[in-house]
Amino acid sequence: MTLRWLVASIHLIALTIAVAAIFARGRALQRVREAADLRPVLLADNWWGVSGLLLLGTGLWRAFGGLEKGAAYYLGNPLFHAKLGLFVLALLLELWPMVTLIRWRMAQRGSRDVDVCRAPSFARVSYVQLAILVVLLFLATAIARGMGAQGL
């Protein structure tokens, strides 16, 4: 029981960090005019990455590691499939900003010029991901309460 509670708590903390980090990254990206403006973007992006790994790890552990209702419950629930689909969409949306932000980091370390013209586009991507996280939260609470499960 204590492990279930601890992992669920870490999962919720990771969600809180994710929401704050992706919002902060979007706001910071809106303010980028030159490479010197990237520090808050990269910091928020680090937190977004850490929270994403925590969400994925604790979420998989909870769903398939015997901590919660069990794999059969989740795999038989269409809301869980929707939740996974949205999570994958958020990850796919992250590919372009992630690759670019890695390149920006490397360019800054190598004292090379950084072309930040895509920052506004990445801010929009961040806000779309934020909206996806909110929908994921609604789906998660619905699933936890038995909605979407067959026979309920």
C-alpha atoms as a PDB file:
ATOM      1  CA  MET A   1       0.000   0.000   0.000  1.00  0.00           C
ATOM      2  CA  THR A   2       2.813   2.434   0.868  1.00  0.00           C
ATOM      3  CA  LEU A   3       4.582   1.789  -2.457  1.00  0.00           C
ATOM      4  CA  ARG A   4       1.352   2.412  -4.399  1.00  0.00           C
ATOM      5  CA  TRP A   5       0.867   5.693  -2.561  1.00  0.00           C
ATOM      6  CA  LEU A   6       4.499   6.762  -3.034  1.00  0.00           C
ATOM      7  CA  VAL A   7       4.576   6.009  -6.772  1.00  0.00           C
ATOM      8  CA  ALA A   8       1.189   7.700  -7.296  1.00  0.00           C
ATOM      9  CA  SER A   9       2.458  10.749  -5.397  1.00  0.00           C
ATOM     10  CA  ILE A  10       5.628  10.926  -7.489  1.00  0.00           C
ATOM     11  CA  HIS A  11       3.485  10.617 -10.611  1.00  0.00           C
ATOM     12  CA  LEU A  12       1.326  13.570  -9.530  1.00  0.00           C
ATOM     13  CA  ILE A  13       4.364  15.639  -8.554  1.00  0.00           C
ATOM     14  CA  ALA A  14       5.845  14.903 -11.986  1.00  0.00           C
ATOM     15  CA  LEU A  15       2.617  16.090 -13.604  1.00  0.00           C
ATOM     16  CA  THR A  16       2.765  19.314 -11.596  1.00  0.00           C
ATOM     17  CA  ILE A  17       6.382  19.869 -12.611  1.00  0.00           C
ATOM     18  CA  ALA A  18       5.502  19.089 -16.238  1.00  0.00           C
ATOM     19  CA  VAL A  19       2.689  21.650 -16.337  1.00  0.00           C
ATOM     20  CA  ALA A  20       4.866  24.329 -14.730  1.00  0.00           C
ATOM     21  CA  ALA A  21       7.889  23.517 -16.898  1.00  0.00           C
ATOM     22  CA  ILE A  22       6.086  23.453 -20.223  1.00  0.00           C
ATOM     23  CA  PHE A  23       4.276  26.686 -19.385  1.00  0.00           C
ATOM     24  CA  ALA A  24       7.568  28.300 -18.326  1.00  0.00           C
ATOM     25  CA  ARG A  25       9.295  27.073 -21.478  1.00  0.00           C
ATOM     26  CA  GLY A  26       6.536  28.484 -23.663  1.00  0.00           C
ATOM     27  CA  ARG A  27       6.673  31.859 -21.908  1.00  0.00           C
ATOM     28  CA  ALA A  28      10.467  31.951 -22.072  1.00  0.00           C
ATOM     29  CA  LEU A  29      10.434  31.040 -25.762  1.00  0.00           C
ATOM     30  CA  GLN A  30       8.061  33.932 -26.449  1.00  0.00           C
ATOM     31  CA  ARG A  31      10.654  36.306 -24.983  1.00  0.00           C
ATOM     32  CA  VAL A  32      13.636  35.001 -26.953  1.00  0.00           C
ATOM     33  CA  ARG A  33      15.124  37.608 -29.269  1.00  0.00           C
ATOM     34  CA  GLU A  34      18.748  36.440 -29.235  1.00  0.00           C
ATOM     35  CA  ALA A  35      20.891  33.584 -27.945  1.00  0.00           C
ATOM     36  CA  ALA A  36      21.484  35.387 -24.641  1.00  0.00           C
ATOM     37  CA  ASP A  37      17.760  34.941 -23.886  1.00  0.00           C
ATOM     38  CA  LEU A  38      17.949  31.128 -23.942  1.00  0.00           C
ATOM     39  CA  ARG A  39      18.956  30.435 -20.334  1.00  0.00           C
ATOM     40  CA  PRO A  40      15.376  30.314 -18.924  1.00  0.00           C
ATOM     41  CA  VAL A  41      14.218  28.303 -21.950  1.00  0.00           C
ATOM     42  CA  LEU A  42      16.880  25.676 -21.416  1.00  0.00           C
ATOM     43  CA  LEU A  43      16.266  25.510 -17.670  1.00  0.00           C
ATOM     44  CA  ALA A  44      12.525  25.005 -18.162  1.00  0.00           C
ATOM     45  CA  ASP A  45      13.252  22.469 -20.895  1.00  0.00           C
ATOM     46  CA  ASN A  46      15.441  20.490 -18.472  1.00  0.00           C
ATOM     47  CA  TRP A  47      12.573  20.333 -15.975  1.00  0.00           C
ATOM     48  CA  TRP A  48      10.155  19.363 -18.754  1.00  0.00           C
ATOM     49  CA  GLY A  49      12.464  16.493 -19.713  1.00  0.00           C
ATOM     50  CA  VAL A  50      12.894  15.264 -16.136  1.00  0.00           C
ATOM     51  CA  SER A  51       9.158  15.425 -15.503  1.00  0.00           C
ATOM     52  CA  GLY A  52       8.438  13.578 -18.745  1.00  0.00           C
ATOM     53  CA  LEU A  53      10.751  10.745 -17.765  1.00  0.00           C
ATOM     54  CA  LEU A  54       9.182  10.581 -14.300  1.00  0.00           C
ATOM     55  CA  LEU A  55       5.675  10.589 -15.774  1.00  0.00           C
ATOM     56  CA  LEU A  56       6.515   7.847 -18.223  1.00  0.00           C
ATOM     57  CA  GLY A  57       8.356   5.704 -15.683  1.00  0.00           C
ATOM     58  CA  THR A  58       5.836   5.992 -12.862  1.00  0.00           C
ATOM     59  CA  GLY A  59       2.895   5.757 -15.260  1.00  0.00           C
ATOM     60  CA  LEU A  60       4.147   2.519 -16.794  1.00  0.00           C
ATOM     61  CA  TRP A  61       4.977   1.138 -13.358  1.00  0.00           C
ATOM     62  CA  ARG A  62       1.524   1.999 -12.050  1.00  0.00           C
ATOM     63  CA  ALA A  63      -0.311   0.579 -15.063  1.00  0.00           C
ATOM     64  CA  PHE A  64       1.743  -2.530 -15.751  1.00  0.00           C
ATOM     65  CA  GLY A  65       3.801  -3.139 -12.619  1.00  0.00           C
ATOM     66  CA  GLY A  66       1.037  -4.515 -10.459  1.00  0.00           C
ATOM     67  CA  LEU A  67       0.570  -1.359  -8.406  1.00  0.00           C
ATOM     68  CA  GLU A  68      -2.887  -0.377  -9.565  1.00  0.00           C
ATOM     69  CA  LYS A  69      -5.791  -2.064 -11.328  1.00  0.00           C
ATOM     70  CA  GLY A  70      -3.633  -4.187 -13.619  1.00  0.00           C
ATOM     71  CA  ALA A  71      -2.725  -4.268 -17.279  1.00  0.00           C
ATOM     72  CA  ALA A  72      -5.978  -5.947 -18.357  1.00  0.00           C
ATOM     73  CA  TYR A  73      -8.030  -3.114 -16.865  1.00  0.00           C
ATOM     74  CA  TYR A  74      -6.022  -0.416 -18.600  1.00  0.00           C
ATOM     75  CA  LEU A  75      -5.594  -2.167 -21.935  1.00  0.00           C
ATOM     76  CA  GLY A  76      -9.324  -2.852 -22.066  1.00  0.00           C
ATOM     77  CA  ASN A  77     -10.226   0.773 -21.419  1.00  0.00           C
ATOM     78  CA  PRO A  78     -10.684   3.013 -24.489  1.00  0.00           C
ATOM     79  CA  LEU A  79      -9.986   6.101 -22.372  1.00  0.00           C
ATOM     80  CA  PHE A  80      -6.567   4.641 -21.557  1.00  0.00           C
ATOM     81  CA  HIS A  81      -5.943   4.202 -25.288  1.00  0.00           C
ATOM     82  CA  ALA A  82      -6.918   7.845 -25.817  1.00  0.00           C
ATOM     83  CA  LYS A  83      -4.578   8.860 -22.990  1.00  0.00           C
ATOM     84  CA  LEU A  84      -1.694   6.904 -24.510  1.00  0.00           C
ATOM     85  CA  GLY A  85      -2.435   8.355 -27.935  1.00  0.00           C
ATOM     86  CA  LEU A  86      -2.314  11.888 -26.584  1.00  0.00           C
ATOM     87  CA  PHE A  87       0.902  11.112 -24.704  1.00  0.00           C
ATOM     88  CA  VAL A  88       2.461   9.851 -27.941  1.00  0.00           C
ATOM     89  CA  LEU A  89       1.224  12.990 -29.719  1.00  0.00           C
ATOM     90  CA  ALA A  90       2.892  15.160 -27.065  1.00  0.00           C
ATOM     91  CA  LEU A  91       6.120  13.184 -27.546  1.00  0.00           C
ATOM     92  CA  LEU A  92       5.948  13.535 -31.324  1.00  0.00           C
ATOM     93  CA  LEU A  93       5.353  17.267 -30.976  1.00  0.00           C
ATOM     94  CA  GLU A  94       8.441  17.396 -28.767  1.00  0.00           C
ATOM     95  CA  LEU A  95      10.806  15.966 -31.393  1.00  0.00           C
ATOM     96  CA  TRP A  96      11.344  19.187 -33.358  1.00  0.00           C
ATOM     97  CA  PRO A  97      11.864  21.459 -30.321  1.00  0.00           C
ATOM     98  CA  MET A  98      13.979  18.827 -28.559  1.00  0.00           C
ATOM     99  CA  VAL A  99      16.385  18.376 -31.467  1.00  0.00           C
ATOM    100  CA  THR A 100      16.635  22.132 -31.992  1.00  0.00           C
ATOM    101  CA  LEU A 101      17.170  22.897 -28.313  1.00  0.00           C
ATOM    102  CA  ILE A 102      19.931  20.280 -28.179  1.00  0.00           C
ATOM    103  CA  ARG A 103      21.558  21.980 -31.161  1.00  0.00           C
ATOM    104  CA  TRP A 104      21.202  25.373 -29.481  1.00  0.00           C
ATOM    105  CA  ARG A 105      22.852  24.009 -26.332  1.00  0.00           C
ATOM    106  CA  MET A 106      25.726  22.561 -28.337  1.00  0.00           C
ATOM    107  CA  ALA A 107      26.151  25.771 -30.322  1.00  0.00           C
ATOM    108  CA  GLN A 108      26.294  27.831 -27.135  1.00  0.00           C
ATOM    109  CA  ARG A 109      28.860  25.496 -25.583  1.00  0.00           C
ATOM    110  CA  GLY A 110      30.958  25.788 -28.731  1.00  0.00           C
ATOM    111  CA  SER A 111      30.572  29.585 -28.776  1.00  0.00           C
ATOM    112  CA  ARG A 112      28.839  29.392 -32.144  1.00  0.00           C
ATOM    113  CA  ASP A 113      25.965  31.531 -33.353  1.00  0.00           C
ATOM    114  CA  VAL A 114      22.462  30.353 -32.472  1.00  0.00           C
ATOM    115  CA  ASP A 115      19.600  31.070 -34.842  1.00  0.00           C
ATOM    116  CA  VAL A 116      16.614  31.575 -32.537  1.00  0.00           C
ATOM    117  CA  CYS A 117      14.085  32.454 -35.246  1.00  0.00           C
ATOM    118  CA  ARG A 118      12.072  29.293 -34.492  1.00  0.00           C
ATOM    119  CA  ALA A 119      11.515  30.205 -30.834  1.00  0.00           C
ATOM    120  CA  PRO A 120       7.946  31.522 -31.407  1.00  0.00           C
ATOM    121  CA  SER A 121       7.009  28.262 -33.164  1.00  0.00           C
ATOM    122  CA  PHE A 122       8.372  26.255 -30.257  1.00  0.00           C
ATOM    123  CA  ALA A 123       6.388  28.422 -27.846  1.00  0.00           C
ATOM    124  CA  ARG A 124       3.208  27.467 -29.727  1.00  0.00           C
ATOM    125  CA  VAL A 125       4.200  23.793 -29.616  1.00  0.00           C
ATOM    126  CA  SER A 126       4.708  24.130 -25.849  1.00  0.00           C
ATOM    127  CA  TYR A 127       1.215  25.543 -25.384  1.00  0.00           C
ATOM    128  CA  VAL A 128      -0.314  22.741 -27.456  1.00  0.00           C
ATOM    129  CA  GLN A 129       1.542  20.258 -25.260  1.00  0.00           C
ATOM    130  CA  LEU A 130       0.230  22.049 -22.179  1.00  0.00           C
ATOM    131  CA  ALA A 131      -3.330  21.643 -23.455  1.00  0.00           C
ATOM    132  CA  ILE A 132      -2.633  17.954 -24.074  1.00  0.00           C
ATOM    133  CA  LEU A 133      -1.403  17.580 -20.480  1.00  0.00           C
ATOM    134  CA  VAL A 134      -4.648  19.067 -19.186  1.00  0.00           C
ATOM    135  CA  VAL A 135      -6.696  16.635 -21.266  1.00  0.00           C
ATOM    136  CA  LEU A 136      -4.465  13.788 -20.028  1.00  0.00           C
ATOM    137  CA  LEU A 137      -5.263  14.803 -16.472  1.00  0.00           C
ATOM    138  CA  PHE A 138      -9.003  14.621 -17.146  1.00  0.00           C
ATOM    139  CA  LEU A 139      -8.600  11.228 -18.813  1.00  0.00           C
ATOM    140  CA  ALA A 140      -6.475   9.929 -15.925  1.00  0.00           C
ATOM    141  CA  THR A 141      -9.041  10.896 -13.318  1.00  0.00           C
ATOM    142  CA  ALA A 142     -11.837   9.375 -15.413  1.00  0.00           C
ATOM    143  CA  ILE A 143      -9.919   6.123 -15.789  1.00  0.00           C
ATOM    144  CA  ALA A 144      -9.118   6.018 -12.057  1.00  0.00           C
ATOM    145  CA  ARG A 145     -12.819   6.288 -11.308  1.00  0.00           C
ATOM    146  CA  GLY A 146     -13.789   3.420 -13.602  1.00  0.00           C
ATOM    147  CA  MET A 147     -15.052   5.441 -16.533  1.00  0.00           C
ATOM    148  CA  GLY A 148     -14.548   3.792 -19.896  1.00  0.00           C
ATOM    149  CA  ALA A 149     -14.075   0.361 -18.349  1.00  0.00           C
ATOM    150  CA  GLN A 150     -16.158  -2.389 -19.905  1.00  0.00           C
ATOM    151  CA  GLY A 151     -19.157  -3.330 -17.883  1.00  0.00           C
ATOM    152  CA  LEU A 152     -19.243  -0.110 -15.858  1.00  0.00           C
END
